[in-house]
């Protein structure tokens, strides 16, 4: 198996403090070793996809991390045991939470597939370059 996926229910935290469940799927593929692909489904809307750096996600499990559109941090007072994920876009911001116990084992599996520091070895740059240039291999 060259990929790891986890399906989970995240909580979308509203300004009122109320939370709405949001089904999510996080995927990691060894052929794209630096990235985590995420898809969020909100009832009545098309799924929303995001792409994160795996290192950003791993760092966010232990301390606040991120710049720009994505911030990830472990839950603090009142949120112990949660991973917080804040996403920003021109359409607005979303704060999502998920239990660390759901994400930590899955993230560990991604490092079994491609250990930290070995991401470049997983890339087939010649094939990727040929594809980008429209060459047939």
Protein backbone atom coordinates (compact mmCIF):
# COMPACT_ATOMS: atom_id res chain seq x y z
CA UNK A 1 0.00 0.00 0.00
CA UNK A 2 1.44 3.35 -1.00
CA UNK A 3 -1.22 5.56 0.59
CA UNK A 4 -2.86 6.20 3.93
CA UNK A 5 -6.36 7.59 4.42
CA UNK A 6 -8.50 8.43 7.37
CA UNK A 7 -12.18 9.33 7.37
CA UNK A 8 -13.32 11.33 10.36
CA UNK A 9 -15.94 13.71 11.62
CA UNK A 10 -14.53 17.14 12.37
CA UNK A 11 -16.39 19.82 14.27
CA UNK A 12 -16.88 23.17 12.55
CA UNK A 13 -16.86 25.69 15.38
CA UNK A 14 -19.29 28.53 14.76
CA UNK A 15 -18.90 32.08 16.13
CA UNK A 16 -21.70 31.27 18.61
CA UNK A 17 -19.61 28.39 19.99
CA UNK A 18 -22.00 25.83 18.51
CA UNK A 19 -20.32 23.05 16.51
CA UNK A 20 -21.49 21.42 13.30
CA UNK A 21 -20.19 17.96 12.32
CA UNK A 22 -18.25 17.93 9.05
CA UNK A 23 -17.23 14.64 7.41
CA UNK A 24 -13.62 14.79 6.25
CA UNK A 25 -11.14 12.54 4.49
CA UNK A 26 -7.38 13.01 4.84
CA UNK A 27 -5.20 11.25 2.27
CA UNK A 28 -1.47 10.78 1.90
CA UNK A 29 0.20 9.23 -1.15
CA UNK A 30 3.84 8.20 -1.37
CA UNK A 31 4.00 9.64 -4.91
CA UNK A 32 3.24 13.08 -3.41
CA UNK A 33 5.37 12.75 -0.26
CA UNK A 34 5.29 16.35 0.94
CA UNK A 35 1.50 16.77 0.83
CA UNK A 36 -1.64 15.87 2.70
CA UNK A 37 -4.86 16.06 0.72
CA UNK A 38 -8.05 16.86 2.63
CA UNK A 39 -11.66 16.86 1.51
CA UNK A 40 -14.45 18.33 3.61
CA UNK A 41 -18.12 17.61 2.97
CA UNK A 42 -20.84 19.95 4.11
CA UNK A 43 -24.40 18.81 3.49
CA UNK A 44 -25.90 20.41 0.43
CA UNK A 45 -22.56 21.64 -0.94
CA UNK A 46 -19.86 20.19 -3.15
CA UNK A 47 -16.86 18.80 -1.23
CA UNK A 48 -14.12 21.32 -0.53
CA UNK A 49 -10.53 20.19 -1.06
CA UNK A 50 -7.40 21.55 0.60
CA UNK A 51 -3.75 20.64 0.31
CA UNK A 52 -1.40 20.87 3.33
CA UNK A 53 2.29 20.32 3.85
CA UNK A 54 2.81 17.13 5.86
CA UNK A 55 5.49 18.84 7.95
CA UNK A 56 3.06 21.65 8.81
CA UNK A 57 0.49 19.11 9.92
CA UNK A 58 3.03 17.21 12.03
CA UNK A 59 4.30 20.39 13.68
CA UNK A 60 0.74 21.51 14.40
CA UNK A 61 0.18 18.33 16.40
CA UNK A 62 2.66 19.59 19.03
CA UNK A 63 2.72 23.41 18.74
CA UNK A 64 0.99 26.21 16.87
CA UNK A 65 2.14 26.32 13.27
CA UNK A 66 1.19 27.77 9.94
CA UNK A 67 1.20 30.98 8.01
CA UNK A 68 -1.30 32.53 5.68
CA UNK A 69 -4.33 30.39 4.88
CA UNK A 70 -3.65 27.41 7.16
CA UNK A 71 -3.00 27.33 10.91
CA UNK A 72 -2.85 24.13 12.97
CA UNK A 73 -2.36 23.76 16.73
CA UNK A 74 -3.02 21.36 19.57
CA UNK A 75 -6.05 22.31 21.64
CA UNK A 76 -5.44 24.35 24.75
CA UNK A 77 -7.56 24.89 27.85
CA UNK A 78 -11.01 23.42 27.26
CA UNK A 79 -9.83 21.77 24.04
CA UNK A 80 -7.34 19.28 25.44
CA UNK A 81 -7.00 16.26 23.17
CA UNK A 82 -8.16 18.16 20.11
CA UNK A 83 -6.30 19.24 17.01
CA UNK A 84 -7.43 22.64 15.77
CA UNK A 85 -7.32 23.53 12.09
CA UNK A 86 -8.09 27.04 10.88
CA UNK A 87 -8.57 27.59 7.15
CA UNK A 88 -8.89 31.00 5.51
CA UNK A 89 -10.02 31.80 1.98
CA UNK A 90 -11.58 34.76 0.18
CA UNK A 91 -14.94 33.23 1.18
CA UNK A 92 -14.19 33.36 4.91
CA UNK A 93 -12.57 31.44 7.73
CA UNK A 94 -13.35 28.07 9.25
CA UNK A 95 -12.19 26.61 12.55
CA UNK A 96 -12.37 22.82 12.64
CA UNK A 97 -11.45 20.46 15.46
CA UNK A 98 -10.82 16.72 15.56
CA UNK A 99 -9.57 14.42 18.34
CA UNK A 100 -5.79 14.00 18.27
CA UNK A 101 -6.33 10.27 18.88
CA UNK A 102 -7.90 10.07 15.41
CA UNK A 103 -5.19 11.95 13.55
CA UNK A 104 -1.98 10.92 15.34
CA UNK A 105 -2.05 7.22 14.32
CA UNK A 106 -2.89 8.14 10.74
CA UNK A 107 -0.08 10.71 10.59
CA UNK A 108 2.27 8.05 11.97
CA UNK A 109 1.29 5.75 9.10
CA UNK A 110 2.32 8.43 6.60
CA UNK A 111 5.80 8.45 8.14
CA UNK A 112 5.95 4.66 7.83
CA UNK A 113 5.23 5.03 4.12
CA UNK A 114 7.81 7.79 3.61
CA UNK A 115 10.06 8.57 6.58
CA UNK A 116 10.93 12.19 7.32
CA UNK A 117 13.92 13.24 5.26
CA UNK A 118 13.28 10.62 2.56
CA UNK A 119 10.53 12.47 0.69
CA UNK A 120 12.80 13.39 -2.23
CA UNK A 121 13.75 9.75 -2.76
CA UNK A 122 10.04 8.94 -3.32
CA UNK A 123 9.75 11.37 -6.20
CA UNK A 124 10.17 10.23 -9.78
CA UNK A 125 11.26 13.61 -11.12
CA UNK A 126 12.09 12.34 -14.62
CA UNK A 127 8.56 10.99 -15.12
CA UNK A 128 6.98 14.11 -13.64
CA UNK A 129 9.04 16.38 -15.88
CA UNK A 130 8.19 14.28 -18.94
CA UNK A 131 4.50 14.49 -18.04
CA UNK A 132 4.70 18.28 -17.59
CA UNK A 133 6.42 18.65 -20.95
CA UNK A 134 3.89 16.37 -22.63
CA UNK A 135 6.46 13.76 -23.54
CA UNK A 136 5.56 10.11 -23.86
CA UNK A 137 7.78 7.76 -21.85
